[in-house]
């Protein structure tokens, strides 16, 4: 019997769930995990069933999620040393 995490569409559903969480709590935290889940789902869709064990699959997911998060952090970070300062209140 195969694990539910060995099915490609489960990983796509997890990615959609993480993308929804990212919309509700923005900050580029969950989008890296969502990209990793999509990548694992696509990997499972194009490989024979049962060819990748669950521990290896989770290792691939963790690695791809970390890489995606680091790439997003590199592209979406602010300029170095720059901090937002607010001089007036929105209610003024």
PDB file of N, CA and C in Angstrom:
ATOM      1  N   UNK A   1       0.843  -1.184   0.000  1.00  0.00           N
ATOM      2  CA  UNK A   1       0.000   0.000   0.000  1.00  0.00           C
ATOM      3  C   UNK A   1       0.889   1.248   0.000  1.00  0.00           C
ATOM      4  N   UNK A   2       0.580   2.162  -0.868  1.00  0.00           N
ATOM      5  CA  UNK A   2       1.380   3.378  -0.955  1.00  0.00           C
ATOM      6  C   UNK A   2       0.875   4.434   0.024  1.00  0.00           C
ATOM      7  N   UNK A   3       1.778   5.271   0.420  1.00  0.00           N
ATOM      8  CA  UNK A   3       1.436   6.357   1.320  1.00  0.00           C
ATOM      9  C   UNK A   3       0.697   7.455   0.553  1.00  0.00           C
ATOM     10  N   UNK A   4      -0.132   8.181   1.250  1.00  0.00           N
ATOM     11  CA  UNK A   4      -0.864   9.268   0.609  1.00  0.00           C
ATOM     12  C   UNK A   4       0.088  10.351   0.114  1.00  0.00           C
ATOM     13  N   UNK A   5       1.253  10.490   0.760  1.00  0.00           N
ATOM     14  CA  UNK A   5       2.227  11.486   0.330  1.00  0.00           C
ATOM     15  C   UNK A   5       3.012  11.050  -0.903  1.00  0.00           C
ATOM     16  N   UNK A   6       2.749   9.854  -1.389  1.00  0.00           N
ATOM     17  CA  UNK A   6       3.408   9.382  -2.608  1.00  0.00           C
ATOM     18  C   UNK A   6       2.561   9.634  -3.848  1.00  0.00           C
ATOM     19  N   UNK A   7       1.451  10.315  -3.692  1.00  0.00           N
ATOM     20  CA  UNK A   7       0.547  10.610  -4.805  1.00  0.00           C
ATOM     21  C   UNK A   7       0.776  12.059  -5.226  1.00  0.00           C
ATOM     22  N   UNK A   8       0.924  12.290  -6.514  1.00  0.00           N
ATOM     23  CA  UNK A   8       1.311  13.615  -7.001  1.00  0.00           C
ATOM     24  C   UNK A   8       0.276  14.686  -6.698  1.00  0.00           C
ATOM     25  N   UNK A   9      -1.017  14.357  -6.827  1.00  0.00           N
ATOM     26  CA  UNK A   9      -2.036  15.390  -6.651  1.00  0.00           C
ATOM     27  C   UNK A   9      -2.161  15.836  -5.197  1.00  0.00           C
ATOM     28  N   UNK A  10      -1.729  15.004  -4.258  1.00  0.00           N
ATOM     29  CA  UNK A  10      -1.745  15.411  -2.844  1.00  0.00           C
ATOM     30  C   UNK A  10      -0.747  16.543  -2.627  1.00  0.00           C
ATOM     31  N   UNK A  11       0.410  16.455  -3.272  1.00  0.00           N
ATOM     32  CA  UNK A  11       1.416  17.517  -3.150  1.00  0.00           C
ATOM     33  C   UNK A  11       0.929  18.811  -3.801  1.00  0.00           C
ATOM     34  N   UNK A  12       0.208  18.708  -4.907  1.00  0.00           N
ATOM     35  CA  UNK A  12      -0.352  19.904  -5.543  1.00  0.00           C
ATOM     36  C   UNK A  12      -1.413  20.524  -4.631  1.00  0.00           C
ATOM     37  N   UNK A  13      -2.220  19.688  -3.983  1.00  0.00           N
ATOM     38  CA  UNK A  13      -3.225  20.208  -3.043  1.00  0.00           C
ATOM     39  C   UNK A  13      -2.559  20.880  -1.845  1.00  0.00           C
ATOM     40  N   UNK A  14      -1.472  20.301  -1.353  1.00  0.00           N
ATOM     41  CA  UNK A  14      -0.716  20.923  -0.260  1.00  0.00           C
ATOM     42  C   UNK A  14      -0.165  22.273  -0.705  1.00  0.00           C
ATOM     43  N   UNK A  15       0.334  22.339  -1.941  1.00  0.00           N
ATOM     44  CA  UNK A  15       0.871  23.601  -2.473  1.00  0.00           C
ATOM     45  C   UNK A  15      -0.216  24.658  -2.558  1.00  0.00           C
ATOM     46  N   UNK A  16      -1.403  24.277  -3.001  1.00  0.00           N
ATOM     47  CA  UNK A  16      -2.511  25.236  -3.081  1.00  0.00           C
ATOM     48  C   UNK A  16      -2.890  25.721  -1.685  1.00  0.00           C
ATOM     49  N   UNK A  17      -2.923  24.811  -0.726  1.00  0.00           N
ATOM     50  CA  UNK A  17      -3.216  25.199   0.656  1.00  0.00           C
ATOM     51  C   UNK A  17      -2.184  26.155   1.219  1.00  0.00           C
ATOM     52  N   UNK A  18      -0.913  25.886   0.953  1.00  0.00           N
ATOM     53  CA  UNK A  18       0.147  26.787   1.423  1.00  0.00           C
ATOM     54  C   UNK A  18       0.091  28.142   0.718  1.00  0.00           C
ATOM     55  N   UNK A  19      -0.288  28.155  -0.549  1.00  0.00           N
ATOM     56  CA  UNK A  19      -0.431  29.429  -1.263  1.00  0.00           C
ATOM     57  C   UNK A  19      -1.578  30.248  -0.683  1.00  0.00           C
ATOM     58  N   UNK A  20      -2.644  29.585  -0.291  1.00  0.00           N
ATOM     59  CA  UNK A  20      -3.768  30.296   0.344  1.00  0.00           C
ATOM     60  C   UNK A  20      -3.332  30.861   1.692  1.00  0.00           C
ATOM     61  N   UNK A  21      -2.582  30.085   2.454  1.00  0.00           N
ATOM     62  CA  UNK A  21      -2.069  30.583   3.740  1.00  0.00           C
ATOM     63  C   UNK A  21      -1.152  31.778   3.517  1.00  0.00           C
ATOM     64  N   UNK A  22      -0.361  31.751   2.440  1.00  0.00           N
ATOM     65  CA  UNK A  22       0.525  32.879   2.133  1.00  0.00           C
ATOM     66  C   UNK A  22      -0.270  34.140   1.827  1.00  0.00           C
ATOM     67  N   UNK A  23      -1.397  33.998   1.165  1.00  0.00           N
ATOM     68  CA  UNK A  23      -2.236  35.164   0.872  1.00  0.00           C
ATOM     69  C   UNK A  23      -2.817  35.726   2.169  1.00  0.00           C
ATOM     70  N   UNK A  24      -3.193  34.859   3.087  1.00  0.00           N
ATOM     71  CA  UNK A  24      -3.784  35.307   4.345  1.00  0.00           C
ATOM     72  C   UNK A  24      -2.747  35.872   5.312  1.00  0.00           C
ATOM     73  N   UNK A  25      -1.515  35.376   5.233  1.00  0.00           N
ATOM     74  CA  UNK A  25      -0.439  35.846   6.103  1.00  0.00           C
ATOM     75  C   UNK A  25       0.782  36.150   5.239  1.00  0.00           C
ATOM     76  N   UNK A  26       0.762  37.286   4.507  1.00  0.00           N
ATOM     77  CA  UNK A  26       1.846  37.559   3.557  1.00  0.00           C
ATOM     78  C   UNK A  26       3.182  37.809   4.252  1.00  0.00           C
ATOM     79  N   UNK A  27       4.231  37.549   3.532  1.00  0.00           N
ATOM     80  CA  UNK A  27       5.567  37.769   4.050  1.00  0.00           C
ATOM     81  C   UNK A  27       6.592  36.876   3.395  1.00  0.00           C
ATOM     82  N   UNK A  28       6.221  36.193   2.334  1.00  0.00           N
ATOM     83  CA  UNK A  28       7.106  35.282   1.594  1.00  0.00           C
ATOM     84  C   UNK A  28       7.654  34.176   2.482  1.00  0.00           C
ATOM     85  N   UNK A  29       6.841  33.680   3.401  1.00  0.00           N
ATOM     86  CA  UNK A  29       7.261  32.581   4.259  1.00  0.00           C
ATOM     87  C   UNK A  29       6.756  31.261   3.686  1.00  0.00           C
ATOM     88  N   UNK A  30       5.467  31.183   3.395  1.00  0.00           N
ATOM     89  CA  UNK A  30       4.867  29.934   2.952  1.00  0.00           C
ATOM     90  C   UNK A  30       4.995  29.700   1.455  1.00  0.00           C
ATOM     91  N   UNK A  31       5.300  30.733   0.689  1.00  0.00           N
ATOM     92  CA  UNK A  31       5.378  30.563  -0.763  1.00  0.00           C
ATOM     93  C   UNK A  31       6.561  29.676  -1.153  1.00  0.00           C
ATOM     94  N   UNK A  32       7.639  29.700  -0.408  1.00  0.00           N
ATOM     95  CA  UNK A  32       8.758  28.803  -0.678  1.00  0.00           C
ATOM     96  C   UNK A  32       8.371  27.350  -0.466  1.00  0.00           C
ATOM     97  N   UNK A  33       7.591  27.095   0.591  1.00  0.00           N
ATOM     98  CA  UNK A  33       7.102  25.745   0.836  1.00  0.00           C
ATOM     99  C   UNK A  33       6.115  25.313  -0.247  1.00  0.00           C
ATOM    100  N   UNK A  34       5.309  26.248  -0.727  1.00  0.00           N
ATOM    101  CA  UNK A  34       4.360  25.939  -1.794  1.00  0.00           C
ATOM    102  C   UNK A  34       5.094  25.589  -3.091  1.00  0.00           C
ATOM    103  N   UNK A  35       6.143  26.329  -3.404  1.00  0.00           N
ATOM    104  CA  UNK A  35       6.933  26.038  -4.610  1.00  0.00           C
ATOM    105  C   UNK A  35       7.599  24.669  -4.480  1.00  0.00           C
ATOM    106  N   UNK A  36       8.096  24.347  -3.311  1.00  0.00           N
ATOM    107  CA  UNK A  36       8.682  23.025  -3.081  1.00  0.00           C
ATOM    108  C   UNK A  36       7.669  21.909  -3.250  1.00  0.00           C
ATOM    109  N   UNK A  37       6.436  22.138  -2.769  1.00  0.00           N
ATOM    110  CA  UNK A  37       5.388  21.124  -2.910  1.00  0.00           C
ATOM    111  C   UNK A  37       4.984  20.939  -4.368  1.00  0.00           C
ATOM    112  N   UNK A  38       4.915  22.032  -5.131  1.00  0.00           N
ATOM    113  CA  UNK A  38       4.612  21.915  -6.560  1.00  0.00           C
ATOM    114  C   UNK A  38       5.709  21.143  -7.271  1.00  0.00           C
ATOM    115  N   UNK A  39       6.944  21.427  -6.948  1.00  0.00           N
ATOM    116  CA  UNK A  39       8.070  20.733  -7.583  1.00  0.00           C
ATOM    117  C   UNK A  39       8.035  19.235  -7.273  1.00  0.00           C
ATOM    118  N   UNK A  40       7.728  18.868  -6.034  1.00  0.00           N
ATOM    119  CA  UNK A  40       7.649  17.453  -5.674  1.00  0.00           C
ATOM    120  C   UNK A  40       6.451  16.806  -6.364  1.00  0.00           C
ATOM    121  N   UNK A  41       5.334  17.526  -6.454  1.00  0.00           N
ATOM    122  CA  UNK A  41       4.173  16.991  -7.160  1.00  0.00           C
ATOM    123  C   UNK A  41       4.464  16.726  -8.621  1.00  0.00           C
ATOM    124  N   UNK A  42       5.172  17.647  -9.255  1.00  0.00           N
ATOM    125  CA  UNK A  42       5.544  17.445 -10.660  1.00  0.00           C
ATOM    126  C   UNK A  42       6.551  16.308 -10.799  1.00  0.00           C
ATOM    127  N   UNK A  43       7.464  16.195  -9.854  1.00  0.00           N
ATOM    128  CA  UNK A  43       8.429  15.101  -9.876  1.00  0.00           C
ATOM    129  C   UNK A  43       7.715  13.753  -9.768  1.00  0.00           C
ATOM    130  N   UNK A  44       6.738  13.665  -8.873  1.00  0.00           N
ATOM    131  CA  UNK A  44       5.995  12.419  -8.707  1.00  0.00           C
ATOM    132  C   UNK A  44       5.112  12.117  -9.915  1.00  0.00           C
ATOM    133  N   UNK A  45       4.625  13.154 -10.574  1.00  0.00           N
ATOM    134  CA  UNK A  45       3.757  12.941 -11.736  1.00  0.00           C
ATOM    135  C   UNK A  45       4.524  12.325 -12.897  1.00  0.00           C
ATOM    136  N   UNK A  46       5.824  12.589 -12.983  1.00  0.00           N
ATOM    137  CA  UNK A  46       6.603  12.125 -14.117  1.00  0.00           C
ATOM    138  C   UNK A  46       7.564  10.982 -13.791  1.00  0.00           C
ATOM    139  N   UNK A  47       7.471  10.424 -12.587  1.00  0.00           N
ATOM    140  CA  UNK A  47       8.292   9.266 -12.238  1.00  0.00           C
ATOM    141  C   UNK A  47       7.378   8.066 -12.005  1.00  0.00           C
ATOM    142  N   UNK A  48       7.886   6.863 -12.196  1.00  0.00           N
ATOM    143  CA  UNK A  48       7.062   5.672 -11.949  1.00  0.00           C
ATOM    144  C   UNK A  48       6.640   5.584 -10.481  1.00  0.00           C
ATOM    145  N   UNK A  49       5.445   5.054 -10.260  1.00  0.00           N
ATOM    146  CA  UNK A  49       4.906   4.945  -8.899  1.00  0.00           C
ATOM    147  C   UNK A  49       5.781   4.031  -8.053  1.00  0.00           C
ATOM    148  N   UNK A  50       6.085   4.473  -6.846  1.00  0.00           N
ATOM    149  CA  UNK A  50       6.866   3.672  -5.916  1.00  0.00           C
ATOM    150  C   UNK A  50       8.367   3.735  -6.129  1.00  0.00           C
ATOM    151  N   UNK A  51       8.829   4.566  -7.054  1.00  0.00           N
ATOM    152  CA  UNK A  51      10.268   4.613  -7.313  1.00  0.00           C
ATOM    153  C   UNK A  51      11.015   5.502  -6.318  1.00  0.00           C
ATOM    154  N   UNK A  52      10.295   6.376  -5.618  1.00  0.00           N
ATOM    155  CA  UNK A  52      10.914   7.260  -4.628  1.00  0.00           C
ATOM    156  C   UNK A  52      10.302   6.946  -3.269  1.00  0.00           C
ATOM    157  N   UNK A  53      11.145   6.638  -2.292  1.00  0.00           N
ATOM    158  CA  UNK A  53      10.636   6.326  -0.953  1.00  0.00           C
ATOM    159  C   UNK A  53      10.231   7.619  -0.235  1.00  0.00           C
ATOM    160  N   UNK A  54       9.424   7.459   0.804  1.00  0.00           N
ATOM    161  CA  UNK A  54       8.913   8.626   1.532  1.00  0.00           C
ATOM    162  C   UNK A  54      10.015   9.458   2.190  1.00  0.00           C
ATOM    163  N   UNK A  55      11.013   8.868   2.855  1.00  0.00           N
ATOM    164  CA  UNK A  55      12.077   9.715   3.435  1.00  0.00           C
ATOM    165  C   UNK A  55      12.841  10.515   2.381  1.00  0.00           C
ATOM    166  N   UNK A  56      13.114   9.897   1.242  1.00  0.00           N
ATOM    167  CA  UNK A  56      13.801  10.611   0.165  1.00  0.00           C
ATOM    168  C   UNK A  56      12.906  11.716  -0.382  1.00  0.00           C
ATOM    169  N   UNK A  57      11.620  11.440  -0.497  1.00  0.00           N
ATOM    170  CA  UNK A  57      10.661  12.433  -0.982  1.00  0.00           C
ATOM    171  C   UNK A  57      10.603  13.638  -0.050  1.00  0.00           C
ATOM    172  N   UNK A  58      10.593  13.397   1.250  1.00  0.00           N
ATOM    173  CA  UNK A  58      10.575  14.506   2.210  1.00  0.00           C
ATOM    174  C   UNK A  58      11.882  15.287   2.188  1.00  0.00           C
ATOM    175  N   UNK A  59      12.993  14.596   1.958  1.00  0.00           N
ATOM    176  CA  UNK A  59      14.279  15.284   1.836  1.00  0.00           C
ATOM    177  C   UNK A  59      14.308  16.169   0.592  1.00  0.00           C
ATOM    178  N   UNK A  60      13.779  15.666  -0.497  1.00  0.00           N
ATOM    179  CA  UNK A  60      13.697  16.465  -1.729  1.00  0.00           C
ATOM    180  C   UNK A  60      12.808  17.682  -1.497  1.00  0.00           C
ATOM    181  N   UNK A  61      11.672  17.488  -0.819  1.00  0.00           N
ATOM    182  CA  UNK A  61      10.765  18.603  -0.531  1.00  0.00           C
ATOM    183  C   UNK A  61      11.448  19.658   0.334  1.00  0.00           C
ATOM    184  N   UNK A  62      12.135  19.234   1.373  1.00  0.00           N
ATOM    185  CA  UNK A  62      12.805  20.189   2.261  1.00  0.00           C
ATOM    186  C   UNK A  62      13.891  20.958   1.512  1.00  0.00           C
ATOM    187  N   UNK A  63      14.650  20.251   0.689  1.00  0.00           N
ATOM    188  CA  UNK A  63      15.733  20.899  -0.064  1.00  0.00           C
ATOM    189  C   UNK A  63      15.189  21.899  -1.076  1.00  0.00           C
ATOM    190  N   UNK A  64      14.176  21.492  -1.832  1.00  0.00           N
ATOM    191  CA  UNK A  64      13.599  22.394  -2.831  1.00  0.00           C
ATOM    192  C   UNK A  64      12.902  23.592  -2.190  1.00  0.00           C
ATOM    193  N   UNK A  65      12.259  23.369  -1.050  1.00  0.00           N
ATOM    194  CA  UNK A  65      11.609  24.482  -0.349  1.00  0.00           C
ATOM    195  C   UNK A  65      12.634  25.486   0.160  1.00  0.00           C
ATOM    196  N   UNK A  66      13.735  25.000   0.693  1.00  0.00           N
ATOM    197  CA  UNK A  66      14.789  25.888   1.174  1.00  0.00           C
ATOM    198  C   UNK A  66      15.392  26.686   0.028  1.00  0.00           C
ATOM    199  N   UNK A  67      15.668  26.021  -1.085  1.00  0.00           N
ATOM    200  CA  UNK A  67      16.227  26.718  -2.247  1.00  0.00           C
ATOM    201  C   UNK A  67      15.249  27.774  -2.753  1.00  0.00           C
ATOM    202  N   UNK A  68      13.966  27.422  -2.850  1.00  0.00           N
ATOM    203  CA  UNK A  68      12.965  28.384  -3.319  1.00  0.00           C
ATOM    204  C   UNK A  68      12.863  29.571  -2.371  1.00  0.00           C
ATOM    205  N   UNK A  69      12.896  29.308  -1.064  1.00  0.00           N
ATOM    206  CA  UNK A  69      12.800  30.390  -0.094  1.00  0.00           C
ATOM    207  C   UNK A  69      14.010  31.317  -0.178  1.00  0.00           C
ATOM    208  N   UNK A  70      15.201  30.734  -0.325  1.00  0.00           N
ATOM    209  CA  UNK A  70      16.408  31.562  -0.427  1.00  0.00           C
ATOM    210  C   UNK A  70      16.413  32.399  -1.710  1.00  0.00           C
ATOM    211  N   UNK A  71      15.957  31.832  -2.810  1.00  0.00           N
ATOM    212  CA  UNK A  71      15.886  32.579  -4.064  1.00  0.00           C
ATOM    213  C   UNK A  71      14.873  33.721  -3.949  1.00  0.00           C
ATOM    214  N   UNK A  72      13.702  33.454  -3.380  1.00  0.00           N
ATOM    215  CA  UNK A  72      12.705  34.506  -3.200  1.00  0.00           C
ATOM    216  C   UNK A  72      13.219  35.590  -2.258  1.00  0.00           C
ATOM    217  N   UNK A  73      13.909  35.185  -1.212  1.00  0.00           N
ATOM    218  CA  UNK A  73      14.460  36.159  -0.267  1.00  0.00           C
ATOM    219  C   UNK A  73      15.485  37.063  -0.947  1.00  0.00           C
ATOM    220  N   UNK A  74      16.278  36.481  -1.842  1.00  0.00           N
ATOM    221  CA  UNK A  74      17.290  37.254  -2.556  1.00  0.00           C
ATOM    222  C   UNK A  74      16.636  38.287  -3.475  1.00  0.00           C
ATOM    223  N   UNK A  75      15.570  37.896  -4.175  1.00  0.00           N
ATOM    224  CA  UNK A  75      14.958  38.788  -5.147  1.00  0.00           C
ATOM    225  C   UNK A  75      14.009  39.811  -4.531  1.00  0.00           C
ATOM    226  N   UNK A  76      13.419  39.510  -3.395  1.00  0.00           N
ATOM    227  CA  UNK A  76      12.415  40.402  -2.827  1.00  0.00           C
ATOM    228  C   UNK A  76      12.857  41.134  -1.567  1.00  0.00           C
ATOM    229  N   UNK A  77      14.110  41.048  -1.211  1.00  0.00           N
ATOM    230  CA  UNK A  77      14.570  41.789  -0.034  1.00  0.00           C
ATOM    231  C   UNK A  77      14.739  43.264  -0.386  1.00  0.00           C
ATOM    232  N   UNK A  78      14.686  44.089   0.619  1.00  0.00           N
ATOM    233  CA  UNK A  78      14.881  45.518   0.407  1.00  0.00           C
ATOM    234  C   UNK A  78      16.346  45.840   0.224  1.00  0.00           C
ATOM    235  N   UNK A  79      16.634  47.071  -0.133  1.00  0.00           N
ATOM    236  CA  UNK A  79      18.040  47.471  -0.257  1.00  0.00           C
ATOM    237  C   UNK A  79      18.764  47.304   1.085  1.00  0.00           C
ATOM    238  N   UNK A  80      20.043  46.976   1.012  1.00  0.00           N
ATOM    239  CA  UNK A  80      20.811  46.692   2.218  1.00  0.00           C
ATOM    240  C   UNK A  80      20.905  47.922   3.125  1.00  0.00           C
ATOM    241  N   UNK A  81      20.566  47.707   4.382  1.00  0.00           N
ATOM    242  CA  UNK A  81      20.669  48.762   5.367  1.00  0.00           C
ATOM    243  C   UNK A  81      19.531  49.763   5.354  1.00  0.00           C
ATOM    244  N   UNK A  82      18.570  49.568   4.476  1.00  0.00           N
ATOM    245  CA  UNK A  82      17.470  50.525   4.387  1.00  0.00           C
ATOM    246  C   UNK A  82      16.295  50.022   5.225  1.00  0.00           C
ATOM    247  N   UNK A  83      15.794  50.887   6.084  1.00  0.00           N
ATOM    248  CA  UNK A  83      14.677  50.568   6.942  1.00  0.00           C
ATOM    249  C   UNK A  83      13.590  51.595   6.688  1.00  0.00           C
ATOM    250  N   UNK A  84      12.340  51.147   6.678  1.00  0.00           N
ATOM    251  CA  UNK A  84      11.234  52.082   6.482  1.00  0.00           C
ATOM    252  C   UNK A  84      11.014  52.890   7.752  1.00  0.00           C
ATOM    253  N   UNK A  85      10.918  54.196   7.583  1.00  0.00           N
ATOM    254  CA  UNK A  85      10.602  55.089   8.696  1.00  0.00           C
ATOM    255  C   UNK A  85       9.341  55.853   8.337  1.00  0.00           C
ATOM    256  N   UNK A  86       8.411  55.915   9.259  1.00  0.00           N
ATOM    257  CA  UNK A  86       7.172  56.644   9.061  1.00  0.00           C
ATOM    258  C   UNK A  86       7.222  57.918   9.871  1.00  0.00           C
ATOM    259  N   UNK A  87       7.090  59.070   9.179  1.00  0.00           N
ATOM    260  CA  UNK A  87       7.165  60.354   9.851  1.00  0.00           C
ATOM    261  C   UNK A  87       5.816  60.895  10.283  1.00  0.00           C
ATOM    262  N   UNK A  88       4.761  60.368   9.706  1.00  0.00           N
ATOM    263  CA  UNK A  88       3.448  60.864  10.089  1.00  0.00           C
ATOM    264  C   UNK A  88       2.497  59.699  10.239  1.00  0.00           C
ATOM    265  N   UNK A  89       1.448  59.950  11.005  1.00  0.00           N
ATOM    266  CA  UNK A  89       0.453  58.931  11.273  1.00  0.00           C
ATOM    267  C   UNK A  89      -0.567  58.940  10.136  1.00  0.00           C
ATOM    268  N   UNK A  90      -1.132  57.789   9.852  1.00  0.00           N
ATOM    269  CA  UNK A  90      -2.117  57.699   8.779  1.00  0.00           C
ATOM    270  C   UNK A  90      -3.384  58.467   9.127  1.00  0.00           C
ATOM    271  N   UNK A  91      -3.628  58.696  10.408  1.00  0.00           N
ATOM    272  CA  UNK A  91      -4.837  59.394  10.826  1.00  0.00           C
ATOM    273  C   UNK A  91      -4.689  60.918  10.825  1.00  0.00           C
ATOM    274  N   UNK A  92      -3.494  61.426  10.551  1.00  0.00           N
ATOM    275  CA  UNK A  92      -3.287  62.886  10.542  1.00  0.00           C
ATOM    276  C   UNK A  92      -3.812  63.502   9.282  1.00  0.00           C
TER     277      UNK A  92
END
